Amino acid sequence: MPNFYVGKWNFTDELSGKVHLLEVNATLKILIDGRKLPGKITKLDDKELIFIDKYGYQLRLDATEKHPVSLFDEADNRVYPIVKIDN
């Protein structure tokens, strides 16, 4: 399992200007702004983590050289650059 997806990142919604917190915990649960998203991971490799939410929309974390770099939200059809937060 690629454990480099585990961690916390900030991303900014450019429409509202709001900064959000994305967290992938050690059991690969996905949280946004501290709220766990219902759904499941359908793909996990060195390039991407794909999560399908309860509505069938895809959240995709894209990685380059084992570093997550962006979040794609199918519900919004938007890609958000993500910035790692050091713990």
PDB file of N, CA and C in Angstrom:
ATOM      1  N   MET A   1       0.834  -1.194   0.000  1.00  0.00           N
ATOM      2  CA  MET A   1       0.000   0.000   0.000  1.00  0.00           C
ATOM      3  C   MET A   1       0.873   1.250   0.000  1.00  0.00           C
ATOM      4  N   PRO A   2       0.663   2.148  -0.946  1.00  0.00           N
ATOM      5  CA  PRO A   2       1.422   3.405  -0.936  1.00  0.00           C
ATOM      6  C   PRO A   2       0.991   4.286   0.246  1.00  0.00           C
ATOM      7  N   ASN A   3       1.834   4.350   1.275  1.00  0.00           N
ATOM      8  CA  ASN A   3       1.445   5.101   2.477  1.00  0.00           C
ATOM      9  C   ASN A   3       1.764   6.584   2.379  1.00  0.00           C
ATOM     10  N   PHE A   4       2.303   7.033   1.241  1.00  0.00           N
ATOM     11  CA  PHE A   4       2.581   8.466   1.094  1.00  0.00           C
ATOM     12  C   PHE A   4       1.297   9.277   0.916  1.00  0.00           C
ATOM     13  N   TYR A   5       0.161   8.614   0.744  1.00  0.00           N
ATOM     14  CA  TYR A   5      -1.119   9.332   0.697  1.00  0.00           C
ATOM     15  C   TYR A   5      -1.610   9.718   2.088  1.00  0.00           C
ATOM     16  N   VAL A   6      -1.081   9.060   3.120  1.00  0.00           N
ATOM     17  CA  VAL A   6      -1.497   9.367   4.487  1.00  0.00           C
ATOM     18  C   VAL A   6      -0.902  10.710   4.893  1.00  0.00           C
ATOM     19  N   GLY A   7      -1.764  11.632   5.345  1.00  0.00           N
ATOM     20  CA  GLY A   7      -1.288  12.945   5.762  1.00  0.00           C
ATOM     21  C   GLY A   7      -2.372  13.989   5.658  1.00  0.00           C
ATOM     22  N   LYS A   8      -1.944  15.246   5.773  1.00  0.00           N
ATOM     23  CA  LYS A   8      -2.873  16.378   5.724  1.00  0.00           C
ATOM     24  C   LYS A   8      -2.391  17.395   4.701  1.00  0.00           C
ATOM     25  N   TRP A   9      -3.350  17.945   3.966  1.00  0.00           N
ATOM     26  CA  TRP A   9      -3.063  18.935   2.932  1.00  0.00           C
ATOM     27  C   TRP A   9      -4.096  20.057   2.986  1.00  0.00           C
ATOM     28  N   ASN A  10      -3.667  21.233   2.574  1.00  0.00           N
ATOM     29  CA  ASN A  10      -4.589  22.353   2.368  1.00  0.00           C
ATOM     30  C   ASN A  10      -4.866  22.484   0.881  1.00  0.00           C
ATOM     31  N   PHE A  11      -6.090  22.875   0.562  1.00  0.00           N
ATOM     32  CA  PHE A  11      -6.406  23.283  -0.807  1.00  0.00           C
ATOM     33  C   PHE A  11      -7.393  24.435  -0.732  1.00  0.00           C
ATOM     34  N   THR A  12      -7.339  25.294  -1.726  1.00  0.00           N
ATOM     35  CA  THR A  12      -8.153  26.510  -1.719  1.00  0.00           C
ATOM     36  C   THR A  12      -9.218  26.449  -2.801  1.00  0.00           C
ATOM     37  N   ASP A  13     -10.448  26.735  -2.396  1.00  0.00           N
ATOM     38  CA  ASP A  13     -11.542  26.881  -3.350  1.00  0.00           C
ATOM     39  C   ASP A  13     -11.452  28.308  -3.884  1.00  0.00           C
ATOM     40  N   GLU A  14     -11.030  28.441  -5.131  1.00  0.00           N
ATOM     41  CA  GLU A  14     -10.803  29.767  -5.686  1.00  0.00           C
ATOM     42  C   GLU A  14     -12.092  30.562  -5.860  1.00  0.00           C
ATOM     43  N   LEU A  15     -13.224  29.883  -5.957  1.00  0.00           N
ATOM     44  CA  LEU A  15     -14.495  30.601  -6.111  1.00  0.00           C
ATOM     45  C   LEU A  15     -14.882  31.310  -4.819  1.00  0.00           C
ATOM     46  N   SER A  16     -14.699  30.628  -3.680  1.00  0.00           N
ATOM     47  CA  SER A  16     -15.090  31.223  -2.395  1.00  0.00           C
ATOM     48  C   SER A  16     -13.900  31.806  -1.638  1.00  0.00           C
ATOM     49  N   GLY A  17     -12.686  31.409  -2.039  1.00  0.00           N
ATOM     50  CA  GLY A  17     -11.493  31.850  -1.319  1.00  0.00           C
ATOM     51  C   GLY A  17     -11.232  31.065  -0.041  1.00  0.00           C
ATOM     52  N   LYS A  18     -12.077  30.074   0.233  1.00  0.00           N
ATOM     53  CA  LYS A  18     -11.950  29.300   1.464  1.00  0.00           C
ATOM     54  C   LYS A  18     -10.853  28.244   1.344  1.00  0.00           C
ATOM     55  N   VAL A  19     -10.050  28.132   2.399  1.00  0.00           N
ATOM     56  CA  VAL A  19      -9.020  27.098   2.468  1.00  0.00           C
ATOM     57  C   VAL A  19      -9.618  25.894   3.190  1.00  0.00           C
ATOM     58  N   HIS A  20      -9.481  24.734   2.574  1.00  0.00           N
ATOM     59  CA  HIS A  20     -10.012  23.498   3.146  1.00  0.00           C
ATOM     60  C   HIS A  20      -8.869  22.585   3.577  1.00  0.00           C
ATOM     61  N   LEU A  21      -9.187  21.672   4.484  1.00  0.00           N
ATOM     62  CA  LEU A  21      -8.225  20.685   4.963  1.00  0.00           C
ATOM     63  C   LEU A  21      -8.635  19.310   4.457  1.00  0.00           C
ATOM     64  N   LEU A  22      -7.731  18.667   3.739  1.00  0.00           N
ATOM     65  CA  LEU A  22      -7.913  17.285   3.281  1.00  0.00           C
ATOM     66  C   LEU A  22      -7.038  16.406   4.145  1.00  0.00           C
ATOM     67  N   GLU A  23      -7.605  15.338   4.683  1.00  0.00           N
ATOM     68  CA  GLU A  23      -6.832  14.409   5.505  1.00  0.00           C
ATOM     69  C   GLU A  23      -7.093  12.984   5.043  1.00  0.00           C
ATOM     70  N   VAL A  24      -6.011  12.217   4.908  1.00  0.00           N
ATOM     71  CA  VAL A  24      -6.099  10.777   4.672  1.00  0.00           C
ATOM     72  C   VAL A  24      -5.457  10.144   5.889  1.00  0.00           C
ATOM     73  N   ASN A  25      -6.257   9.411   6.682  1.00  0.00           N
ATOM     74  CA  ASN A  25      -5.688   8.860   7.907  1.00  0.00           C
ATOM     75  C   ASN A  25      -5.049   7.495   7.659  1.00  0.00           C
ATOM     76  N   ALA A  26      -4.486   6.910   8.702  1.00  0.00           N
ATOM     77  CA  ALA A  26      -3.712   5.668   8.578  1.00  0.00           C
ATOM     78  C   ALA A  26      -4.549   4.493   8.085  1.00  0.00           C
ATOM     79  N   THR A  27      -5.866   4.552   8.292  1.00  0.00           N
ATOM     80  CA  THR A  27      -6.738   3.482   7.795  1.00  0.00           C
ATOM     81  C   THR A  27      -7.362   3.853   6.443  1.00  0.00           C
ATOM     82  N   LEU A  28      -6.811   4.905   5.824  1.00  0.00           N
ATOM     83  CA  LEU A  28      -7.221   5.392   4.507  1.00  0.00           C
ATOM     84  C   LEU A  28      -8.655   5.916   4.481  1.00  0.00           C
ATOM     85  N   LYS A  29      -9.108   6.468   5.586  1.00  0.00           N
ATOM     86  CA  LYS A  29     -10.372   7.196   5.591  1.00  0.00           C
ATOM     87  C   LYS A  29     -10.077   8.608   5.096  1.00  0.00           C
ATOM     88  N   ILE A  30     -11.003   9.180   4.349  1.00  0.00           N
ATOM     89  CA  ILE A  30     -10.838  10.511   3.777  1.00  0.00           C
ATOM     90  C   ILE A  30     -11.685  11.490   4.594  1.00  0.00           C
ATOM     91  N   LEU A  31     -11.049  12.587   5.032  1.00  0.00           N
ATOM     92  CA  LEU A  31     -11.769  13.627   5.757  1.00  0.00           C
ATOM     93  C   LEU A  31     -11.523  14.964   5.069  1.00  0.00           C
ATOM     94  N   ILE A  32     -12.569  15.764   4.987  1.00  0.00           N
ATOM     95  CA  ILE A  32     -12.431  17.138   4.505  1.00  0.00           C
ATOM     96  C   ILE A  32     -12.984  18.043   5.591  1.00  0.00           C
ATOM     97  N   ASP A  33     -12.147  18.984   6.008  1.00  0.00           N
ATOM     98  CA  ASP A  33     -12.494  19.905   7.089  1.00  0.00           C
ATOM     99  C   ASP A  33     -12.955  19.153   8.344  1.00  0.00           C
ATOM    100  N   GLY A  34     -12.292  18.006   8.611  1.00  0.00           N
ATOM    101  CA  GLY A  34     -12.567  17.238   9.821  1.00  0.00           C
ATOM    102  C   GLY A  34     -13.760  16.309   9.740  1.00  0.00           C
ATOM    103  N   ARG A  35     -14.458  16.291   8.604  1.00  0.00           N
ATOM    104  CA  ARG A  35     -15.631  15.422   8.453  1.00  0.00           C
ATOM    105  C   ARG A  35     -15.299  14.244   7.553  1.00  0.00           C
ATOM    106  N   LYS A  36     -15.556  13.035   8.069  1.00  0.00           N
ATOM    107  CA  LYS A  36     -15.282  11.820   7.304  1.00  0.00           C
ATOM    108  C   LYS A  36     -16.256  11.708   6.136  1.00  0.00           C
ATOM    109  N   LEU A  37     -15.715  11.409   4.969  1.00  0.00           N
ATOM    110  CA  LEU A  37     -16.562  11.238   3.788  1.00  0.00           C
ATOM    111  C   LEU A  37     -16.988   9.782   3.678  1.00  0.00           C
ATOM    112  N   PRO A  38     -18.298   9.534   3.533  1.00  0.00           N
ATOM    113  CA  PRO A  38     -18.739   8.160   3.309  1.00  0.00           C
ATOM    114  C   PRO A  38     -18.420   7.746   1.880  1.00  0.00           C
ATOM    115  N   GLY A  39     -17.894   6.541   1.726  1.00  0.00           N
ATOM    116  CA  GLY A  39     -17.544   6.037   0.406  1.00  0.00           C
ATOM    117  C   GLY A  39     -16.438   5.014   0.524  1.00  0.00           C
ATOM    118  N   LYS A  40     -15.793   4.736  -0.608  1.00  0.00           N
ATOM    119  CA  LYS A  40     -14.732   3.726  -0.582  1.00  0.00           C
ATOM    120  C   LYS A  40     -13.663   4.035  -1.621  1.00  0.00           C
ATOM    121  N   ILE A  41     -12.465   3.551  -1.323  1.00  0.00           N
ATOM    122  CA  ILE A  41     -11.348   3.665  -2.261  1.00  0.00           C
ATOM    123  C   ILE A  41     -11.473   2.542  -3.271  1.00  0.00           C
ATOM    124  N   THR A  42     -11.419   2.891  -4.561  1.00  0.00           N
ATOM    125  CA  THR A  42     -11.552   1.887  -5.613  1.00  0.00           C
ATOM    126  C   THR A  42     -10.238   1.628  -6.343  1.00  0.00           C
ATOM    127  N   LYS A  43      -9.268   2.524  -6.182  1.00  0.00           N
ATOM    128  CA  LYS A  43      -7.961   2.327  -6.810  1.00  0.00           C
ATOM    129  C   LYS A  43      -6.903   3.003  -5.958  1.00  0.00           C
ATOM    130  N   LEU A  44      -5.764   2.340  -5.833  1.00  0.00           N
ATOM    131  CA  LEU A  44      -4.669   2.884  -5.036  1.00  0.00           C
ATOM    132  C   LEU A  44      -3.363   2.364  -5.604  1.00  0.00           C
ATOM    133  N   ASP A  45      -2.568   3.293  -6.168  1.00  0.00           N
ATOM    134  CA  ASP A  45      -1.247   2.917  -6.662  1.00  0.00           C
ATOM    135  C   ASP A  45      -0.307   4.116  -6.533  1.00  0.00           C
ATOM    136  N   ASP A  46       0.850   4.044  -7.163  1.00  0.00           N
ATOM    137  CA  ASP A  46       1.845   5.116  -7.024  1.00  0.00           C
ATOM    138  C   ASP A  46       1.441   6.410  -7.723  1.00  0.00           C
ATOM    139  N   LYS A  47       0.431   6.363  -8.588  1.00  0.00           N
ATOM    140  CA  LYS A  47       0.036   7.542  -9.363  1.00  0.00           C
ATOM    141  C   LYS A  47      -1.258   8.190  -8.867  1.00  0.00           C
ATOM    142  N   GLU A  48      -2.169   7.382  -8.293  1.00  0.00           N
ATOM    143  CA  GLU A  48      -3.441   7.950  -7.887  1.00  0.00           C
ATOM    144  C   GLU A  48      -4.141   7.118  -6.819  1.00  0.00           C
ATOM    145  N   LEU A  49      -4.915   7.849  -6.042  1.00  0.00           N
ATOM    146  CA  LEU A  49      -5.843   7.249  -5.086  1.00  0.00           C
ATOM    147  C   LEU A  49      -7.217   7.704  -5.544  1.00  0.00           C
ATOM    148  N   ILE A  50      -8.085   6.750  -5.848  1.00  0.00           N
ATOM    149  CA  ILE A  50      -9.434   7.086  -6.303  1.00  0.00           C
ATOM    150  C   ILE A  50     -10.435   6.660  -5.240  1.00  0.00           C
ATOM    151  N   PHE A  51     -11.260   7.631  -4.844  1.00  0.00           N
ATOM    152  CA  PHE A  51     -12.280   7.439  -3.821  1.00  0.00           C
ATOM    153  C   PHE A  51     -13.628   7.756  -4.452  1.00  0.00           C
ATOM    154  N   ILE A  52     -14.597   6.857  -4.283  1.00  0.00           N
ATOM    155  CA  ILE A  52     -15.953   7.093  -4.791  1.00  0.00           C
ATOM    156  C   ILE A  52     -16.843   7.395  -3.587  1.00  0.00           C
ATOM    157  N   ASP A  53     -17.490   8.569  -3.612  1.00  0.00           N
ATOM    158  CA  ASP A  53     -18.330   8.939  -2.467  1.00  0.00           C
ATOM    159  C   ASP A  53     -19.707   8.271  -2.574  1.00  0.00           C
ATOM    160  N   LYS A  54     -20.525   8.496  -1.566  1.00  0.00           N
ATOM    161  CA  LYS A  54     -21.825   7.808  -1.506  1.00  0.00           C
ATOM    162  C   LYS A  54     -22.763   8.209  -2.636  1.00  0.00           C
ATOM    163  N   TYR A  55     -22.467   9.307  -3.337  1.00  0.00           N
ATOM    164  CA  TYR A  55     -23.296   9.733  -4.461  1.00  0.00           C
ATOM    165  C   TYR A  55     -22.755   9.220  -5.797  1.00  0.00           C
ATOM    166  N   GLY A  56     -21.610   8.525  -5.751  1.00  0.00           N
ATOM    167  CA  GLY A  56     -21.005   7.993  -6.968  1.00  0.00           C
ATOM    168  C   GLY A  56     -20.001   8.913  -7.617  1.00  0.00           C
ATOM    169  N   TYR A  57     -19.718  10.054  -6.969  1.00  0.00           N
ATOM    170  CA  TYR A  57     -18.725  10.975  -7.514  1.00  0.00           C
ATOM    171  C   TYR A  57     -17.319  10.557  -7.103  1.00  0.00           C
ATOM    172  N   GLN A  58     -16.387  10.851  -7.963  1.00  0.00           N
ATOM    173  CA  GLN A  58     -14.993  10.481  -7.743  1.00  0.00           C
ATOM    174  C   GLN A  58     -14.198  11.640  -7.155  1.00  0.00           C
ATOM    175  N   LEU A  59     -13.415  11.308  -6.131  1.00  0.00           N
ATOM    176  CA  LEU A  59     -12.354  12.191  -5.649  1.00  0.00           C
ATOM    177  C   LEU A  59     -11.063  11.477  -5.997  1.00  0.00           C
ATOM    178  N   ARG A  60     -10.143  12.184  -6.635  1.00  0.00           N
ATOM    179  CA  ARG A  60      -8.898  11.536  -7.044  1.00  0.00           C
ATOM    180  C   ARG A  60      -7.720  12.358  -6.561  1.00  0.00           C
ATOM    181  N   LEU A  61      -6.857  11.706  -5.816  1.00  0.00           N
ATOM    182  CA  LEU A  61      -5.588  12.321  -5.430  1.00  0.00           C
ATOM    183  C   LEU A  61      -4.551  11.870  -6.441  1.00  0.00           C
ATOM    184  N   ASP A  62      -3.953  12.810  -7.140  1.00  0.00           N
ATOM    185  CA  ASP A  62      -2.907  12.486  -8.116  1.00  0.00           C
ATOM    186  C   ASP A  62      -1.545  12.699  -7.484  1.00  0.00           C
ATOM    187  N   ALA A  63      -0.638  11.768  -7.762  1.00  0.00           N
ATOM    188  CA  ALA A  63       0.704  11.837  -7.184  1.00  0.00           C
ATOM    189  C   ALA A  63       1.758  11.850  -8.284  1.00  0.00           C
ATOM    190  N   THR A  64       2.837  12.586  -8.015  1.00  0.00           N
ATOM    191  CA  THR A  64       4.005  12.612  -8.879  1.00  0.00           C
ATOM    192  C   THR A  64       5.207  12.254  -8.015  1.00  0.00           C
ATOM    193  N   GLU A  65       5.945  11.255  -8.441  1.00  0.00           N
ATOM    194  CA  GLU A  65       7.126  10.804  -7.700  1.00  0.00           C
ATOM    195  C   GLU A  65       6.811  10.575  -6.219  1.00  0.00           C
ATOM    196  N   LYS A  66       5.697   9.885  -5.987  1.00  0.00           N
ATOM    197  CA  LYS A  66       5.248   9.505  -4.640  1.00  0.00           C
ATOM    198  C   LYS A  66       4.955  10.693  -3.726  1.00  0.00           C
ATOM    199  N   HIS A  67       4.516  11.803  -4.338  1.00  0.00           N
ATOM    200  CA  HIS A  67       4.081  12.971  -3.576  1.00  0.00           C
ATOM    201  C   HIS A  67       2.738  13.412  -4.131  1.00  0.00           C
ATOM    202  N   PRO A  68       1.664  13.328  -3.336  1.00  0.00           N
ATOM    203  CA  PRO A  68       0.376  13.841  -3.818  1.00  0.00           C
ATOM    204  C   PRO A  68       0.486  15.329  -4.180  1.00  0.00           C
ATOM    205  N   VAL A  69      -0.035  15.678  -5.351  1.00  0.00           N
ATOM    206  CA  VAL A  69       0.113  17.050  -5.845  1.00  0.00           C
ATOM    207  C   VAL A  69      -1.209  17.756  -6.119  1.00  0.00           C
ATOM    208  N   SER A  70      -2.287  16.973  -6.351  1.00  0.00           N
ATOM    209  CA  SER A  70      -3.560  17.625  -6.647  1.00  0.00           C
ATOM    210  C   SER A  70      -4.730  16.724  -6.275  1.00  0.00           C
ATOM    211  N   LEU A  71      -5.873  17.385  -6.131  1.00  0.00           N
ATOM    212  CA  LEU A  71      -7.126  16.713  -5.819  1.00  0.00           C
ATOM    213  C   LEU A  71      -8.118  17.057  -6.926  1.00  0.00           C
ATOM    214  N   PHE A  72      -8.671  16.029  -7.568  1.00  0.00           N
ATOM    215  CA  PHE A  72      -9.728  16.222  -8.559  1.00  0.00           C
ATOM    216  C   PHE A  72     -11.054  15.869  -7.910  1.00  0.00           C
ATOM    217  N   ASP A  73     -12.011  16.776  -7.969  1.00  0.00           N
ATOM    218  CA  ASP A  73     -13.352  16.557  -7.432  1.00  0.00           C
ATOM    219  C   ASP A  73     -14.325  16.501  -8.599  1.00  0.00           C
ATOM    220  N   GLU A  74     -14.813  15.299  -8.873  1.00  0.00           N
ATOM    221  CA  GLU A  74     -15.710  15.119 -10.017  1.00  0.00           C
ATOM    222  C   GLU A  74     -17.023  15.872  -9.826  1.00  0.00           C
ATOM    223  N   ALA A  75     -17.492  15.990  -8.587  1.00  0.00           N
ATOM    224  CA  ALA A  75     -18.755  16.696  -8.338  1.00  0.00           C
ATOM    225  C   ALA A  75     -18.678  18.148  -8.806  1.00  0.00           C
ATOM    226  N   ASP A  76     -17.505  18.772  -8.641  1.00  0.00           N
ATOM    227  CA  ASP A  76     -17.302  20.160  -9.080  1.00  0.00           C
ATOM    228  C   ASP A  76     -16.636  20.237 -10.447  1.00  0.00           C
ATOM    229  N   ASN A  77     -16.118  19.092 -10.921  1.00  0.00           N
ATOM    230  CA  ASN A  77     -15.297  19.039 -12.130  1.00  0.00           C
ATOM    231  C   ASN A  77     -14.143  20.034 -12.034  1.00  0.00           C
ATOM    232  N   ARG A  78     -13.447  20.007 -10.879  1.00  0.00           N
ATOM    233  CA  ARG A  78     -12.337  20.932 -10.653  1.00  0.00           C
ATOM    234  C   ARG A  78     -11.139  20.188 -10.088  1.00  0.00           C
ATOM    235  N   VAL A  79      -9.972  20.708 -10.403  1.00  0.00           N
ATOM    236  CA  VAL A  79      -8.719  20.190  -9.863  1.00  0.00           C
ATOM    237  C   VAL A  79      -8.153  21.242  -8.925  1.00  0.00           C
ATOM    238  N   TYR A  80      -7.791  20.808  -7.730  1.00  0.00           N
ATOM    239  CA  TYR A  80      -7.237  21.705  -6.718  1.00  0.00           C
ATOM    240  C   TYR A  80      -5.797  21.303  -6.436  1.00  0.00           C
ATOM    241  N   PRO A  81      -4.837  22.223  -6.606  1.00  0.00           N
ATOM    242  CA  PRO A  81      -3.480  21.928  -6.138  1.00  0.00           C
ATOM    243  C   PRO A  81      -3.534  21.770  -4.615  1.00  0.00           C
ATOM    244  N   ILE A  82      -2.768  20.833  -4.084  1.00  0.00           N
ATOM    245  CA  ILE A  82      -2.757  20.619  -2.640  1.00  0.00           C
ATOM    246  C   ILE A  82      -1.365  20.896  -2.079  1.00  0.00           C
ATOM    247  N   VAL A  83      -1.339  21.375  -0.831  1.00  0.00           N
ATOM    248  CA  VAL A  83      -0.081  21.713  -0.163  1.00  0.00           C
ATOM    249  C   VAL A  83      -0.010  20.919   1.130  1.00  0.00           C
ATOM    250  N   LYS A  84       1.040  20.122   1.273  1.00  0.00           N
ATOM    251  CA  LYS A  84       1.220  19.272   2.471  1.00  0.00           C
ATOM    252  C   LYS A  84       1.390  20.127   3.708  1.00  0.00           C
ATOM    253  N   ILE A  85       0.753  19.698   4.781  1.00  0.00           N
ATOM    254  CA  ILE A  85       0.908  20.337   6.087  1.00  0.00           C
ATOM    255  C   ILE A  85       1.822  19.451   6.910  1.00  0.00           C
ATOM    256  N   ASP A  86       2.915  19.990   7.385  1.00  0.00           N
ATOM    257  CA  ASP A  86       3.825  19.212   8.220  1.00  0.00           C
ATOM    258  C   ASP A  86       3.233  19.084   9.612  1.00  0.00           C
ATOM    259  N   ASN A  87       3.277  17.869  10.127  1.00  0.00           N
ATOM    260  CA  ASN A  87       2.740  17.636  11.471  1.00  0.00           C
ATOM    261  C   ASN A  87       3.780  17.923  12.525  1.00  0.00           C
TER     262      ASN A  87
END
